[in-house]
């Protein structure tokens, strides 16, 4: 029984590796981005956490690429959903207020290369999601940047749907 379970587990692991592209994300001057202000967090800690979470989102998307593909992304601007405002008229404590008026935006350039290093598709994207509060699949999400993540996932699905890459 253990042998059968181990064999099945190995087979699942091997099929999961059948498609796995890689991504390299470069963050160009994040201190100049439109809005990556923290609420109650040190700016440097918030920026590092944001970059780490976005790197993870891009890495998760890259797993959907064919083996050997390299995806280079250069992020040039981020405007997070919401706006940071003083909490109860205090300059010490601030919170991010999420309203449909403050939609998420992101600007980046990208280059996707196949296994031989040949560019498959490249470009510059100015993403924005003016309907970010209308997504029903965000309910209960614990991700700090769920609106931006959904925006990136929608963009990536559109590229796949348009058959720009396999």
N, C-alpha and C. Protein backbone atom coordinates (compact mmCIF):
# COMPACT_ATOMS: atom_id res chain seq x y z
N UNK A 1 0.82 -1.19 0.00
CA UNK A 1 0.00 0.00 0.00
C UNK A 1 0.87 1.26 0.00
N UNK A 2 1.94 1.25 0.83
CA UNK A 2 2.84 2.39 0.87
C UNK A 2 3.52 2.60 -0.48
N UNK A 3 3.86 1.51 -1.17
CA UNK A 3 4.50 1.61 -2.47
C UNK A 3 3.57 2.25 -3.49
N UNK A 4 2.32 1.86 -3.48
CA UNK A 4 1.34 2.43 -4.41
C UNK A 4 1.17 3.92 -4.14
N UNK A 5 1.02 4.29 -2.86
CA UNK A 5 0.86 5.69 -2.49
C UNK A 5 2.09 6.51 -2.89
N UNK A 6 3.28 5.96 -2.64
CA UNK A 6 4.52 6.65 -3.00
C UNK A 6 4.64 6.84 -4.51
N UNK A 7 4.27 5.82 -5.27
CA UNK A 7 4.31 5.89 -6.72
C UNK A 7 3.35 6.95 -7.23
N UNK A 8 2.14 6.99 -6.66
CA UNK A 8 1.16 7.99 -7.08
C UNK A 8 1.63 9.39 -6.74
N UNK A 9 2.21 9.57 -5.56
CA UNK A 9 2.72 10.86 -5.14
C UNK A 9 3.85 11.33 -6.06
N UNK A 10 4.73 10.44 -6.43
CA UNK A 10 5.82 10.76 -7.35
C UNK A 10 5.27 11.13 -8.73
N UNK A 11 4.26 10.41 -9.20
CA UNK A 11 3.66 10.70 -10.50
C UNK A 11 3.02 12.08 -10.51
N UNK A 12 2.33 12.43 -9.44
CA UNK A 12 1.71 13.75 -9.34
C UNK A 12 2.78 14.83 -9.32
N UNK A 13 3.84 14.61 -8.57
CA UNK A 13 4.93 15.58 -8.50
C UNK A 13 5.60 15.77 -9.85
N UNK A 14 5.78 14.70 -10.59
CA UNK A 14 6.44 14.78 -11.89
C UNK A 14 5.55 15.52 -12.90
N UNK A 15 4.23 15.29 -12.87
CA UNK A 15 3.36 15.99 -13.80
C UNK A 15 3.28 17.46 -13.46
N UNK A 16 3.40 17.81 -12.18
CA UNK A 16 3.40 19.21 -11.78
C UNK A 16 4.61 19.95 -12.29
N UNK A 17 5.69 19.23 -12.56
CA UNK A 17 6.91 19.86 -13.05
C UNK A 17 6.94 19.95 -14.57
N UNK A 18 5.96 19.37 -15.24
CA UNK A 18 5.95 19.35 -16.70
C UNK A 18 5.89 20.77 -17.26
N UNK A 19 5.19 21.66 -16.60
CA UNK A 19 5.13 23.04 -17.03
C UNK A 19 5.61 23.91 -15.88
N UNK A 20 6.74 24.54 -16.09
CA UNK A 20 7.26 25.42 -15.05
C UNK A 20 8.25 26.39 -15.65
N UNK A 21 7.75 27.55 -16.04
CA UNK A 21 8.64 28.59 -16.51
C UNK A 21 9.24 29.32 -15.31
N UNK A 22 10.16 30.20 -15.59
CA UNK A 22 10.80 30.98 -14.53
C UNK A 22 10.55 32.46 -14.79
N UNK A 23 10.54 33.22 -13.71
CA UNK A 23 10.33 34.66 -13.83
C UNK A 23 11.42 35.39 -13.06
N UNK A 24 11.84 36.51 -13.61
CA UNK A 24 12.77 37.41 -12.93
C UNK A 24 12.09 38.77 -12.90
N UNK A 25 11.86 39.29 -11.70
CA UNK A 25 11.17 40.56 -11.55
C UNK A 25 12.16 41.62 -11.07
N UNK A 26 12.21 42.73 -11.78
CA UNK A 26 13.06 43.86 -11.42
C UNK A 26 12.14 45.02 -11.01
N UNK A 27 12.39 45.58 -9.85
CA UNK A 27 11.59 46.68 -9.33
C UNK A 27 12.37 47.97 -9.52
N UNK A 28 11.92 48.82 -10.46
CA UNK A 28 12.63 50.05 -10.78
C UNK A 28 12.18 51.20 -9.88
N UNK A 29 13.02 51.61 -8.98
CA UNK A 29 12.79 52.74 -8.08
C UNK A 29 11.43 52.71 -7.39
N UNK A 30 11.17 51.68 -6.58
CA UNK A 30 9.87 51.59 -5.91
C UNK A 30 9.56 52.77 -4.98
N UNK A 31 10.60 53.44 -4.51
CA UNK A 31 10.36 54.59 -3.64
C UNK A 31 9.67 55.73 -4.39
N UNK A 32 9.66 55.68 -5.73
CA UNK A 32 9.01 56.71 -6.54
C UNK A 32 7.65 56.27 -7.08
N UNK A 33 7.19 55.08 -6.69
CA UNK A 33 5.91 54.58 -7.19
C UNK A 33 4.78 55.51 -6.72
N UNK A 34 3.71 55.54 -7.49
CA UNK A 34 2.58 56.41 -7.20
C UNK A 34 2.03 56.21 -5.80
N UNK A 35 1.74 54.96 -5.42
CA UNK A 35 1.18 54.72 -4.09
C UNK A 35 1.50 53.33 -3.60
N UNK A 36 2.51 53.27 -2.74
CA UNK A 36 2.76 52.05 -1.97
C UNK A 36 2.93 52.44 -0.51
N UNK A 37 2.12 53.40 -0.10
CA UNK A 37 2.19 53.89 1.28
C UNK A 37 1.59 52.86 2.24
N UNK A 38 2.25 52.66 3.37
CA UNK A 38 1.71 51.75 4.37
C UNK A 38 0.67 52.45 5.24
N UNK A 39 -0.10 51.66 5.92
CA UNK A 39 -0.99 52.21 6.93
C UNK A 39 -0.20 52.32 8.22
N UNK A 40 -0.26 51.31 9.05
CA UNK A 40 0.46 51.28 10.33
C UNK A 40 1.66 50.36 10.24
N UNK A 41 2.59 50.70 9.41
CA UNK A 41 3.77 49.87 9.21
C UNK A 41 4.90 50.79 8.74
N UNK A 42 6.12 50.45 9.08
CA UNK A 42 7.24 51.24 8.57
C UNK A 42 7.28 51.11 7.05
N UNK A 43 7.56 52.22 6.38
CA UNK A 43 7.55 52.25 4.92
C UNK A 43 8.50 51.20 4.32
N UNK A 44 9.70 51.08 4.87
CA UNK A 44 10.68 50.13 4.34
C UNK A 44 10.20 48.68 4.52
N UNK A 45 9.60 48.38 5.67
CA UNK A 45 9.07 47.04 5.91
C UNK A 45 7.90 46.74 4.96
N UNK A 46 7.04 47.73 4.79
CA UNK A 46 5.88 47.55 3.91
C UNK A 46 6.33 47.33 2.47
N UNK A 47 7.29 48.13 2.02
CA UNK A 47 7.80 48.01 0.66
C UNK A 47 8.42 46.63 0.44
N UNK A 48 9.21 46.17 1.39
CA UNK A 48 9.84 44.85 1.27
C UNK A 48 8.79 43.74 1.25
N UNK A 49 7.78 43.85 2.09
CA UNK A 49 6.70 42.85 2.13
C UNK A 49 5.91 42.86 0.83
N UNK A 50 5.61 44.06 0.32
CA UNK A 50 4.87 44.17 -0.94
C UNK A 50 5.64 43.52 -2.08
N UNK A 51 6.92 43.82 -2.19
CA UNK A 51 7.74 43.26 -3.26
C UNK A 51 7.80 41.74 -3.14
N UNK A 52 7.96 41.24 -1.93
CA UNK A 52 8.01 39.79 -1.71
C UNK A 52 6.69 39.13 -2.14
N UNK A 53 5.55 39.73 -1.77
CA UNK A 53 4.26 39.15 -2.14
C UNK A 53 4.02 39.22 -3.64
N UNK A 54 4.39 40.33 -4.27
CA UNK A 54 4.23 40.44 -5.72
C UNK A 54 5.16 39.48 -6.45
N UNK A 55 6.39 39.32 -5.96
CA UNK A 55 7.31 38.34 -6.55
C UNK A 55 6.69 36.95 -6.50
N UNK A 56 6.03 36.65 -5.40
CA UNK A 56 5.37 35.36 -5.25
C UNK A 56 4.21 35.20 -6.24
N UNK A 57 3.46 36.27 -6.46
CA UNK A 57 2.36 36.24 -7.44
C UNK A 57 2.92 35.98 -8.84
N UNK A 58 3.96 36.71 -9.22
CA UNK A 58 4.57 36.50 -10.54
C UNK A 58 5.13 35.09 -10.67
N UNK A 59 5.76 34.58 -9.61
CA UNK A 59 6.31 33.22 -9.64
C UNK A 59 5.20 32.19 -9.81
N UNK A 60 4.07 32.40 -9.16
CA UNK A 60 2.94 31.49 -9.30
C UNK A 60 2.41 31.50 -10.73
N UNK A 61 2.34 32.67 -11.34
CA UNK A 61 1.90 32.76 -12.74
C UNK A 61 2.90 32.07 -13.66
N UNK A 62 4.18 32.21 -13.38
CA UNK A 62 5.22 31.61 -14.23
C UNK A 62 5.14 30.09 -14.22
N UNK A 63 4.58 29.51 -13.16
CA UNK A 63 4.43 28.06 -13.10
C UNK A 63 3.52 27.54 -14.21
N UNK A 64 2.70 28.42 -14.77
CA UNK A 64 1.78 28.03 -15.83
C UNK A 64 2.45 28.06 -17.22
N UNK A 65 3.68 28.55 -17.27
CA UNK A 65 4.42 28.62 -18.53
C UNK A 65 5.08 27.27 -18.81
N UNK A 66 5.34 26.99 -20.08
CA UNK A 66 6.04 25.75 -20.41
C UNK A 66 7.44 25.71 -19.81
N UNK A 67 7.92 24.52 -19.56
CA UNK A 67 9.25 24.31 -19.01
C UNK A 67 10.29 24.98 -19.90
N UNK A 68 11.21 25.69 -19.27
CA UNK A 68 12.29 26.33 -20.02
C UNK A 68 12.01 27.77 -20.41
N UNK A 69 10.77 28.21 -20.29
CA UNK A 69 10.45 29.60 -20.63
C UNK A 69 10.99 30.53 -19.55
N UNK A 70 11.46 31.70 -19.97
CA UNK A 70 11.96 32.73 -19.07
C UNK A 70 11.13 33.98 -19.26
N UNK A 71 10.60 34.50 -18.17
CA UNK A 71 9.75 35.68 -18.20
C UNK A 71 10.44 36.78 -17.41
N UNK A 72 10.84 37.84 -18.09
CA UNK A 72 11.49 38.98 -17.44
C UNK A 72 10.48 40.11 -17.30
N UNK A 73 10.31 40.60 -16.10
CA UNK A 73 9.35 41.65 -15.81
C UNK A 73 10.07 42.80 -15.12
N UNK A 74 9.81 44.03 -15.59
CA UNK A 74 10.35 45.22 -14.94
C UNK A 74 9.18 46.09 -14.52
N UNK A 75 8.97 46.18 -13.22
CA UNK A 75 7.86 46.96 -12.67
C UNK A 75 8.32 48.40 -12.53
N UNK A 76 7.57 49.33 -13.15
CA UNK A 76 7.96 50.74 -13.13
C UNK A 76 7.03 51.61 -12.30
N UNK A 77 5.83 51.12 -11.98
CA UNK A 77 4.94 51.89 -11.12
C UNK A 77 3.85 50.99 -10.54
N UNK A 78 3.46 51.30 -9.31
CA UNK A 78 2.36 50.61 -8.65
C UNK A 78 1.53 51.68 -7.93
N UNK A 79 0.22 51.56 -8.09
CA UNK A 79 -0.73 52.39 -7.35
C UNK A 79 -1.71 51.41 -6.72
N UNK A 80 -1.51 51.12 -5.45
CA UNK A 80 -2.33 50.12 -4.77
C UNK A 80 -3.78 50.56 -4.66
N UNK A 81 -4.66 49.58 -4.59
CA UNK A 81 -6.08 49.87 -4.40
C UNK A 81 -6.26 50.63 -3.09
N UNK A 82 -7.15 51.57 -3.09
CA UNK A 82 -7.42 52.33 -1.88
C UNK A 82 -6.52 53.55 -1.75
N UNK A 83 -6.67 54.22 -0.63
CA UNK A 83 -5.89 55.41 -0.34
C UNK A 83 -5.62 55.45 1.16
N UNK A 84 -4.44 55.86 1.54
CA UNK A 84 -4.07 55.91 2.95
C UNK A 84 -4.54 57.24 3.54
N UNK A 85 -5.29 57.11 4.63
CA UNK A 85 -5.87 58.28 5.29
C UNK A 85 -5.60 58.23 6.80
N UNK A 86 -5.57 59.39 7.44
CA UNK A 86 -5.42 59.40 8.90
C UNK A 86 -6.60 58.68 9.55
N UNK A 87 -6.30 57.94 10.60
CA UNK A 87 -7.33 57.21 11.33
C UNK A 87 -7.80 58.07 12.49
N UNK A 88 -9.05 58.48 12.49
CA UNK A 88 -9.63 59.35 13.51
C UNK A 88 -8.82 60.63 13.70
N UNK A 89 -8.51 61.24 12.60
CA UNK A 89 -7.83 62.55 12.59
C UNK A 89 -6.50 62.53 13.35
N UNK A 90 -5.81 61.43 13.24
CA UNK A 90 -4.52 61.31 13.91
C UNK A 90 -3.42 61.20 12.87
N UNK A 91 -2.34 61.91 13.05
CA UNK A 91 -1.22 61.82 12.11
C UNK A 91 -0.33 60.63 12.44
N UNK A 92 -0.53 60.03 13.61
CA UNK A 92 0.28 58.89 14.03
C UNK A 92 -0.24 57.60 13.43
N UNK A 93 -1.53 57.46 13.35
CA UNK A 93 -2.14 56.22 12.89
C UNK A 93 -2.87 56.45 11.57
N UNK A 94 -2.56 55.63 10.58
CA UNK A 94 -3.20 55.75 9.27
C UNK A 94 -3.72 54.38 8.84
N UNK A 95 -4.75 54.39 8.01
CA UNK A 95 -5.31 53.16 7.46
C UNK A 95 -5.52 53.33 5.96
N UNK A 96 -5.55 52.22 5.27
CA UNK A 96 -5.85 52.24 3.83
C UNK A 96 -7.35 52.08 3.66
N UNK A 97 -7.98 53.08 3.06
CA UNK A 97 -9.41 53.08 2.82
C UNK A 97 -9.65 52.56 1.41
N UNK A 98 -10.46 51.51 1.31
CA UNK A 98 -10.75 50.91 0.01
C UNK A 98 -12.11 51.41 -0.47
N UNK A 99 -12.10 52.15 -1.58
CA UNK A 99 -13.32 52.63 -2.23
C UNK A 99 -13.14 52.44 -3.73
N UNK A 100 -14.28 52.35 -4.43
CA UNK A 100 -14.20 52.13 -5.87
C UNK A 100 -13.53 53.29 -6.61
N UNK A 101 -13.40 54.41 -5.96
CA UNK A 101 -12.73 55.57 -6.56
C UNK A 101 -11.22 55.37 -6.70
N UNK A 102 -10.63 54.52 -5.83
CA UNK A 102 -9.18 54.32 -5.80
C UNK A 102 -8.84 52.92 -6.31
N UNK A 103 -8.92 52.72 -7.60
CA UNK A 103 -8.67 51.40 -8.18
C UNK A 103 -7.18 51.12 -8.30
N UNK A 104 -6.82 49.83 -8.34
CA UNK A 104 -5.40 49.46 -8.45
C UNK A 104 -4.88 49.68 -9.87
N UNK A 105 -3.62 50.08 -9.93
CA UNK A 105 -2.94 50.28 -11.22
C UNK A 105 -1.51 49.77 -11.10
N UNK A 106 -1.00 49.32 -12.24
CA UNK A 106 0.37 48.82 -12.26
C UNK A 106 0.94 48.98 -13.67
N UNK A 107 2.17 49.45 -13.75
CA UNK A 107 2.84 49.60 -15.04
C UNK A 107 4.10 48.75 -15.01
N UNK A 108 4.27 47.95 -16.06
CA UNK A 108 5.46 47.11 -16.16
C UNK A 108 5.72 46.75 -17.61
N UNK A 109 6.97 46.43 -17.88
CA UNK A 109 7.34 45.90 -19.19
C UNK A 109 7.72 44.44 -18.98
N UNK A 110 7.59 43.66 -20.04
CA UNK A 110 7.88 42.23 -19.91
C UNK A 110 8.44 41.68 -21.22
N UNK A 111 9.17 40.59 -21.08
CA UNK A 111 9.70 39.86 -22.23
C UNK A 111 9.64 38.38 -21.89
N UNK A 112 8.92 37.63 -22.69
CA UNK A 112 8.78 36.20 -22.48
C UNK A 112 9.60 35.49 -23.56
N UNK A 113 10.54 34.64 -23.09
CA UNK A 113 11.43 33.93 -24.01
C UNK A 113 11.17 32.44 -23.91
N UNK A 114 11.24 31.76 -25.03
CA UNK A 114 11.05 30.31 -25.04
C UNK A 114 12.33 29.61 -24.56
N UNK A 115 12.33 28.29 -24.62
CA UNK A 115 13.45 27.49 -24.14
C UNK A 115 14.77 27.76 -24.86
N UNK A 116 14.71 28.31 -26.08
CA UNK A 116 15.92 28.63 -26.83
C UNK A 116 16.35 30.08 -26.66
N UNK A 117 15.64 30.82 -25.82
CA UNK A 117 15.99 32.21 -25.59
C UNK A 117 15.39 33.18 -26.59
N UNK A 118 14.52 32.68 -27.46
CA UNK A 118 13.88 33.53 -28.47
C UNK A 118 12.67 34.23 -27.86
N UNK A 119 12.57 35.53 -28.06
CA UNK A 119 11.46 36.30 -27.52
C UNK A 119 10.15 35.87 -28.18
N UNK A 120 9.19 35.46 -27.37
CA UNK A 120 7.88 35.02 -27.85
C UNK A 120 6.92 36.20 -27.87
N UNK A 121 6.92 36.97 -26.81
CA UNK A 121 6.08 38.15 -26.72
C UNK A 121 6.71 39.11 -25.71
N UNK A 122 6.59 40.40 -26.01
CA UNK A 122 7.10 41.41 -25.09
C UNK A 122 6.22 42.64 -25.22
N UNK A 123 6.32 43.50 -24.26
CA UNK A 123 5.53 44.72 -24.32
C UNK A 123 5.55 45.47 -23.02
N UNK A 124 4.78 46.53 -22.99
CA UNK A 124 4.60 47.34 -21.80
C UNK A 124 3.12 47.36 -21.48
N UNK A 125 2.81 47.14 -20.23
CA UNK A 125 1.41 47.10 -19.79
C UNK A 125 1.15 48.22 -18.80
N UNK A 126 0.00 48.85 -18.97
CA UNK A 126 -0.51 49.84 -18.02
C UNK A 126 -1.84 49.28 -17.52
N UNK A 127 -1.75 48.38 -16.57
CA UNK A 127 -2.95 47.71 -16.07
C UNK A 127 -3.70 48.60 -15.09
N UNK A 128 -5.02 48.49 -15.14
CA UNK A 128 -5.86 49.11 -14.13
C UNK A 128 -7.15 48.30 -14.07
N UNK A 129 -7.74 48.26 -12.90
CA UNK A 129 -8.98 47.52 -12.72
C UNK A 129 -9.99 48.42 -12.02
N UNK A 130 -10.77 49.11 -12.83
CA UNK A 130 -11.75 50.05 -12.30
C UNK A 130 -12.93 49.34 -11.63
N UNK A 131 -13.09 48.05 -11.88
CA UNK A 131 -14.18 47.27 -11.30
C UNK A 131 -13.66 46.31 -10.22
N UNK A 132 -12.56 46.65 -9.58
CA UNK A 132 -11.91 45.72 -8.67
C UNK A 132 -12.79 45.28 -7.51
N UNK A 133 -13.75 46.07 -7.11
CA UNK A 133 -14.62 45.69 -6.00
C UNK A 133 -15.76 44.77 -6.44
N UNK A 134 -15.89 44.54 -7.73
CA UNK A 134 -16.99 43.72 -8.25
C UNK A 134 -16.63 42.24 -8.36
N UNK A 135 -15.39 41.87 -8.12
CA UNK A 135 -14.97 40.48 -8.26
C UNK A 135 -15.48 39.66 -7.08
N UNK A 136 -16.28 38.65 -7.37
CA UNK A 136 -16.86 37.84 -6.30
C UNK A 136 -15.86 36.83 -5.74
N UNK A 137 -14.82 36.49 -6.51
CA UNK A 137 -13.87 35.47 -6.06
C UNK A 137 -12.85 36.02 -5.06
N UNK A 138 -12.99 37.25 -4.63
CA UNK A 138 -12.06 37.83 -3.67
C UNK A 138 -12.54 37.69 -2.23
N UNK A 139 -13.79 37.28 -2.06
CA UNK A 139 -14.36 37.18 -0.72
C UNK A 139 -13.54 36.22 0.14
N UNK A 140 -13.17 36.67 1.30
CA UNK A 140 -12.44 35.82 2.24
C UNK A 140 -10.95 35.69 1.96
N UNK A 141 -10.45 36.37 0.96
CA UNK A 141 -9.02 36.29 0.66
C UNK A 141 -8.22 36.98 1.75
N UNK A 142 -7.12 36.35 2.15
CA UNK A 142 -6.27 36.93 3.19
C UNK A 142 -5.07 37.67 2.63
N UNK A 143 -4.92 37.69 1.32
CA UNK A 143 -3.79 38.36 0.69
C UNK A 143 -3.92 39.87 0.86
N UNK A 144 -2.87 40.51 1.31
CA UNK A 144 -2.88 41.97 1.50
C UNK A 144 -3.10 42.71 0.19
N UNK A 145 -2.68 42.11 -0.90
CA UNK A 145 -2.75 42.76 -2.20
C UNK A 145 -3.67 41.97 -3.15
N UNK A 146 -4.82 41.56 -2.64
CA UNK A 146 -5.73 40.69 -3.39
C UNK A 146 -6.28 41.36 -4.64
N UNK A 147 -6.51 42.67 -4.60
CA UNK A 147 -7.05 43.35 -5.77
C UNK A 147 -6.01 43.42 -6.89
N UNK A 148 -4.79 43.71 -6.50
CA UNK A 148 -3.71 43.77 -7.49
C UNK A 148 -3.41 42.38 -8.04
N UNK A 149 -3.45 41.38 -7.16
CA UNK A 149 -3.22 40.01 -7.60
C UNK A 149 -4.27 39.58 -8.61
N UNK A 150 -5.54 39.88 -8.33
CA UNK A 150 -6.61 39.51 -9.25
C UNK A 150 -6.42 40.22 -10.60
N UNK A 151 -6.00 41.47 -10.56
CA UNK A 151 -5.76 42.23 -11.78
C UNK A 151 -4.67 41.56 -12.62
N UNK A 152 -3.58 41.13 -11.98
CA UNK A 152 -2.49 40.45 -12.69
C UNK A 152 -2.93 39.09 -13.22
N UNK A 153 -3.69 38.35 -12.43
CA UNK A 153 -4.17 37.03 -12.87
C UNK A 153 -5.12 37.17 -14.07
N UNK A 154 -5.98 38.18 -14.04
CA UNK A 154 -6.89 38.42 -15.18
C UNK A 154 -6.10 38.77 -16.44
N UNK A 155 -5.07 39.60 -16.28
CA UNK A 155 -4.23 39.97 -17.43
C UNK A 155 -3.53 38.74 -18.00
N UNK A 156 -3.00 37.91 -17.12
CA UNK A 156 -2.28 36.70 -17.54
C UNK A 156 -3.22 35.74 -18.26
N UNK A 157 -4.43 35.55 -17.72
CA UNK A 157 -5.43 34.69 -18.37
C UNK A 157 -5.78 35.20 -19.76
N UNK A 158 -5.88 36.51 -19.89
CA UNK A 158 -6.20 37.10 -21.20
C UNK A 158 -5.09 36.80 -22.20
N UNK A 159 -3.84 36.89 -21.76
CA UNK A 159 -2.73 36.56 -22.66
C UNK A 159 -2.82 35.10 -23.10
N UNK A 160 -3.13 34.22 -22.15
CA UNK A 160 -3.27 32.80 -22.50
C UNK A 160 -4.45 32.58 -23.43
N UNK A 161 -5.56 33.24 -23.14
CA UNK A 161 -6.76 33.09 -23.96
C UNK A 161 -6.51 33.57 -25.39
N UNK A 162 -5.77 34.66 -25.52
CA UNK A 162 -5.47 35.20 -26.84
C UNK A 162 -4.38 34.42 -27.55
N UNK A 163 -3.91 33.33 -26.89
CA UNK A 163 -2.90 32.43 -27.45
C UNK A 163 -1.60 33.15 -27.79
N UNK A 164 -1.26 34.14 -26.99
CA UNK A 164 0.01 34.81 -27.19
C UNK A 164 1.14 33.88 -26.79
N UNK A 165 0.92 33.08 -25.77
CA UNK A 165 1.87 32.03 -25.41
C UNK A 165 1.08 30.80 -24.99
N UNK A 166 1.73 29.62 -25.06
CA UNK A 166 1.01 28.36 -24.79
C UNK A 166 0.48 28.26 -23.38
